[in-house]
Amino acid sequence: MTATLDAARRDAFAERLLGILNGGALSLMISIGHRSGLFDVMGRETFATSDALADSSGLQERYVREWLGAMVAGGIVEYQPAGRSYRLPPEHAALLTRDARPNNLAATAQWVPLLASVEDDVLTCFQRGGGVPYEAFDRF
């Protein structure tokens, strides 16, 4: 017997999956914002251009600008078109900067790329058994 496909249920699940995938990608960008210090720099600024943020953080402007695009699309950072400038709202800084400890959730976002780095090892465990040694988590 063939199951009947509920198109509305499928579409709702597709929307949920897209949210999960977008959230996963955004988690990587949040980790980069933490590790690069960009959130800390932005937490001390008002609106600033990508050039100013790159200068303040000692990073390459092109990559800062592309990261900012992801942060704006994800609703993490605000963009002011008139001045081509960006701002980390203080409410967001309260959860994303090192000054926010112990509430710094950006530090927790580092788990996503760390776990992704051992995905092949975990898959091997599914196939053969065993475990992933602590040493495999190089940034743990």
C-alpha atoms as a PDB file:
ATOM      1  CA  MET A   1       0.000   0.000   0.000  1.00  0.00           C
ATOM      2  CA  THR A   2       1.354   3.429  -0.955  1.00  0.00           C
ATOM      3  CA  ALA A   3       1.126   6.220   1.616  1.00  0.00           C
ATOM      4  CA  THR A   4      -0.714   9.353   0.579  1.00  0.00           C
ATOM      5  CA  LEU A   5       1.478  12.425   0.466  1.00  0.00           C
ATOM      6  CA  ASP A   6       0.182  15.386   2.443  1.00  0.00           C
ATOM      7  CA  ALA A   7       1.600  18.329   0.441  1.00  0.00           C
ATOM      8  CA  ALA A   8       0.966  20.851   3.231  1.00  0.00           C
ATOM      9  CA  ARG A   9       2.794  18.661   5.747  1.00  0.00           C
ATOM     10  CA  ARG A  10       5.679  18.153   3.295  1.00  0.00           C
ATOM     11  CA  ASP A  11       5.923  21.894   2.674  1.00  0.00           C
ATOM     12  CA  ALA A  12       5.891  22.657   6.408  1.00  0.00           C
ATOM     13  CA  PHE A  13       8.682  20.118   6.938  1.00  0.00           C
ATOM     14  CA  ALA A  14      10.669  21.567   4.018  1.00  0.00           C
ATOM     15  CA  GLU A  15      10.389  24.999   5.634  1.00  0.00           C
ATOM     16  CA  ARG A  16      11.588  23.557   8.945  1.00  0.00           C
ATOM     17  CA  LEU A  17      14.534  21.829   7.246  1.00  0.00           C
ATOM     18  CA  LEU A  18      15.537  25.058   5.515  1.00  0.00           C
ATOM     19  CA  GLY A  19      15.461  26.796   8.892  1.00  0.00           C
ATOM     20  CA  ILE A  20      17.708  24.094  10.359  1.00  0.00           C
ATOM     21  CA  LEU A  21      20.182  24.378   7.477  1.00  0.00           C
ATOM     22  CA  ASN A  22      20.207  28.176   7.643  1.00  0.00           C
ATOM     23  CA  GLY A  23      20.662  28.017  11.406  1.00  0.00           C
ATOM     24  CA  GLY A  24      23.587  25.623  11.026  1.00  0.00           C
ATOM     25  CA  ALA A  25      25.307  27.929   8.559  1.00  0.00           C
ATOM     26  CA  LEU A  26      24.602  30.916  10.791  1.00  0.00           C
ATOM     27  CA  SER A  27      26.097  29.019  13.754  1.00  0.00           C
ATOM     28  CA  LEU A  28      29.350  28.740  11.810  1.00  0.00           C
ATOM     29  CA  MET A  29      29.300  32.479  11.144  1.00  0.00           C
ATOM     30  CA  ILE A  30      28.602  33.172  14.824  1.00  0.00           C
ATOM     31  CA  SER A  31      31.608  31.028  15.722  1.00  0.00           C
ATOM     32  CA  ILE A  32      33.742  33.017  13.276  1.00  0.00           C
ATOM     33  CA  GLY A  33      32.481  36.269  14.790  1.00  0.00           C
ATOM     34  CA  HIS A  34      33.532  35.039  18.217  1.00  0.00           C
ATOM     35  CA  ARG A  35      36.888  33.552  17.253  1.00  0.00           C
ATOM     36  CA  SER A  36      37.891  36.552  15.115  1.00  0.00           C
ATOM     37  CA  GLY A  37      36.916  39.029  17.826  1.00  0.00           C
ATOM     38  CA  LEU A  38      34.455  40.807  15.540  1.00  0.00           C
ATOM     39  CA  PHE A  39      31.624  40.622  18.051  1.00  0.00           C
ATOM     40  CA  ASP A  40      33.872  42.166  20.706  1.00  0.00           C
ATOM     41  CA  VAL A  41      34.877  45.014  18.381  1.00  0.00           C
ATOM     42  CA  MET A  42      31.259  45.590  17.350  1.00  0.00           C
ATOM     43  CA  GLY A  43      30.147  45.517  20.974  1.00  0.00           C
ATOM     44  CA  ARG A  44      32.280  48.612  21.590  1.00  0.00           C
ATOM     45  CA  GLU A  45      31.110  50.503  18.481  1.00  0.00           C
ATOM     46  CA  THR A  46      27.950  52.220  17.380  1.00  0.00           C
ATOM     47  CA  PHE A  47      27.326  52.023  13.644  1.00  0.00           C
ATOM     48  CA  ALA A  48      30.557  51.406  11.710  1.00  0.00           C
ATOM     49  CA  THR A  49      31.466  50.595   8.109  1.00  0.00           C
ATOM     50  CA  SER A  50      33.045  47.300   7.131  1.00  0.00           C
ATOM     51  CA  ASP A  51      36.300  49.218   6.510  1.00  0.00           C
ATOM     52  CA  ALA A  52      36.289  50.634  10.038  1.00  0.00           C
ATOM     53  CA  LEU A  53      35.456  47.257  11.561  1.00  0.00           C
ATOM     54  CA  ALA A  54      38.210  45.572   9.557  1.00  0.00           C
ATOM     55  CA  ASP A  55      40.703  48.212  10.701  1.00  0.00           C
ATOM     56  CA  SER A  56      39.616  47.921  14.347  1.00  0.00           C
ATOM     57  CA  SER A  57      39.850  44.129  14.284  1.00  0.00           C
ATOM     58  CA  GLY A  58      42.978  43.793  12.133  1.00  0.00           C
ATOM     59  CA  LEU A  59      41.102  41.668   9.594  1.00  0.00           C
ATOM     60  CA  GLN A  60      40.640  41.775   5.823  1.00  0.00           C
ATOM     61  CA  GLU A  61      37.761  44.069   4.829  1.00  0.00           C
ATOM     62  CA  ARG A  62      36.396  41.766   2.117  1.00  0.00           C
ATOM     63  CA  TYR A  63      35.880  38.918   4.568  1.00  0.00           C
ATOM     64  CA  VAL A  64      34.509  41.216   7.255  1.00  0.00           C
ATOM     65  CA  ARG A  65      32.009  42.609   4.730  1.00  0.00           C
ATOM     66  CA  GLU A  66      30.900  39.142   3.606  1.00  0.00           C
ATOM     67  CA  TRP A  67      30.578  37.995   7.232  1.00  0.00           C
ATOM     68  CA  LEU A  68      28.518  41.110   7.981  1.00  0.00           C
ATOM     69  CA  GLY A  69      26.197  40.198   5.108  1.00  0.00           C
ATOM     70  CA  ALA A  70      25.527  36.832   6.734  1.00  0.00           C
ATOM     71  CA  MET A  71      25.026  38.508  10.112  1.00  0.00           C
ATOM     72  CA  VAL A  72      22.511  40.985   8.655  1.00  0.00           C
ATOM     73  CA  ALA A  73      20.648  38.225   6.785  1.00  0.00           C
ATOM     74  CA  GLY A  74      20.507  36.227  10.017  1.00  0.00           C
ATOM     75  CA  GLY A  75      19.145  39.133  12.039  1.00  0.00           C
ATOM     76  CA  ILE A  76      22.231  39.284  14.274  1.00  0.00           C
ATOM     77  CA  VAL A  77      23.604  42.638  13.087  1.00  0.00           C
ATOM     78  CA  GLU A  78      21.727  45.744  11.921  1.00  0.00           C
ATOM     79  CA  TYR A  79      22.554  47.522   8.646  1.00  0.00           C
ATOM     80  CA  GLN A  80      22.140  51.223   7.921  1.00  0.00           C
ATOM     81  CA  PRO A  81      22.101  51.645   4.113  1.00  0.00           C
ATOM     82  CA  ALA A  82      22.615  55.439   4.106  1.00  0.00           C
ATOM     83  CA  GLY A  83      26.007  55.152   5.786  1.00  0.00           C
ATOM     84  CA  ARG A  84      26.742  51.601   4.649  1.00  0.00           C
ATOM     85  CA  SER A  85      27.315  50.858   8.289  1.00  0.00           C
ATOM     86  CA  TYR A  86      26.607  48.031  10.695  1.00  0.00           C
ATOM     87  CA  ARG A  87      25.779  47.734  14.360  1.00  0.00           C
ATOM     88  CA  LEU A  88      25.571  44.934  16.884  1.00  0.00           C
ATOM     89  CA  PRO A  89      22.555  45.944  18.996  1.00  0.00           C
ATOM     90  CA  PRO A  90      23.386  46.066  22.713  1.00  0.00           C
ATOM     91  CA  GLU A  91      20.780  43.368  23.371  1.00  0.00           C
ATOM     92  CA  HIS A  92      22.674  41.071  21.009  1.00  0.00           C
ATOM     93  CA  ALA A  93      26.074  42.119  22.352  1.00  0.00           C
ATOM     94  CA  ALA A  94      24.835  41.036  25.792  1.00  0.00           C
ATOM     95  CA  LEU A  95      24.840  37.457  24.472  1.00  0.00           C
ATOM     96  CA  LEU A  96      27.659  37.467  21.901  1.00  0.00           C
ATOM     97  CA  THR A  97      30.704  39.273  23.314  1.00  0.00           C
ATOM     98  CA  ARG A  98      33.394  38.171  25.709  1.00  0.00           C
ATOM     99  CA  ASP A  99      32.203  40.916  28.062  1.00  0.00           C
ATOM    100  CA  ALA A 100      28.889  39.034  28.264  1.00  0.00           C
ATOM    101  CA  ARG A 101      30.402  36.116  30.195  1.00  0.00           C
ATOM    102  CA  PRO A 102      28.881  33.837  31.416  1.00  0.00           C
ATOM    103  CA  ASN A 103      26.060  34.564  28.938  1.00  0.00           C
ATOM    104  CA  ASN A 104      28.302  34.527  25.833  1.00  0.00           C
ATOM    105  CA  LEU A 105      26.474  32.128  23.531  1.00  0.00           C
ATOM    106  CA  ALA A 106      28.871  32.857  20.660  1.00  0.00           C
ATOM    107  CA  ALA A 107      31.478  30.790  22.494  1.00  0.00           C
ATOM    108  CA  THR A 108      29.019  27.890  22.485  1.00  0.00           C
ATOM    109  CA  ALA A 109      28.599  28.229  18.707  1.00  0.00           C
ATOM    110  CA  GLN A 110      32.153  26.900  18.383  1.00  0.00           C
ATOM    111  CA  TRP A 111      30.739  23.428  19.088  1.00  0.00           C
ATOM    112  CA  VAL A 112      29.147  23.271  15.629  1.00  0.00           C
ATOM    113  CA  PRO A 113      32.393  23.439  13.591  1.00  0.00           C
ATOM    114  CA  LEU A 114      34.180  21.331  16.209  1.00  0.00           C
ATOM    115  CA  LEU A 115      31.635  18.539  15.898  1.00  0.00           C
ATOM    116  CA  ALA A 116      31.632  18.887  12.105  1.00  0.00           C
ATOM    117  CA  SER A 117      35.395  18.337  12.087  1.00  0.00           C
ATOM    118  CA  VAL A 118      34.907  14.788  13.429  1.00  0.00           C
ATOM    119  CA  GLU A 119      31.869  13.891  11.309  1.00  0.00           C
ATOM    120  CA  ASP A 120      33.825  11.343   9.249  1.00  0.00           C
ATOM    121  CA  ASP A 121      35.115   9.699  12.430  1.00  0.00           C
ATOM    122  CA  VAL A 122      31.590   9.496  13.853  1.00  0.00           C
ATOM    123  CA  LEU A 123      30.299   7.978  10.608  1.00  0.00           C
ATOM    124  CA  THR A 124      33.048   5.352  10.811  1.00  0.00           C
ATOM    125  CA  CYS A 125      31.856   4.533  14.341  1.00  0.00           C
ATOM    126  CA  PHE A 126      28.333   4.015  12.976  1.00  0.00           C
ATOM    127  CA  GLN A 127      29.737   1.530  10.485  1.00  0.00           C
ATOM    128  CA  ARG A 128      32.377  -0.251  12.576  1.00  0.00           C
ATOM    129  CA  GLY A 129      31.652   0.615  16.188  1.00  0.00           C
ATOM    130  CA  GLY A 130      34.166   2.074  18.600  1.00  0.00           C
ATOM    131  CA  GLY A 131      34.395   5.707  19.522  1.00  0.00           C
ATOM    132  CA  VAL A 132      36.002   8.983  18.635  1.00  0.00           C
ATOM    133  CA  PRO A 133      39.016   9.667  20.858  1.00  0.00           C
ATOM    134  CA  TYR A 134      39.225  12.885  22.808  1.00  0.00           C
ATOM    135  CA  GLU A 135      42.377  13.846  20.839  1.00  0.00           C
ATOM    136  CA  ALA A 136      40.352  13.997  17.608  1.00  0.00           C
ATOM    137  CA  PHE A 137      38.678  17.177  18.904  1.00  0.00           C
ATOM    138  CA  ASP A 138      41.632  19.401  18.127  1.00  0.00           C
ATOM    139  CA  ARG A 139      40.080  22.610  19.530  1.00  0.00           C
ATOM    140  CA  PHE A 140      38.350  21.037  22.508  1.00  0.00           C
END
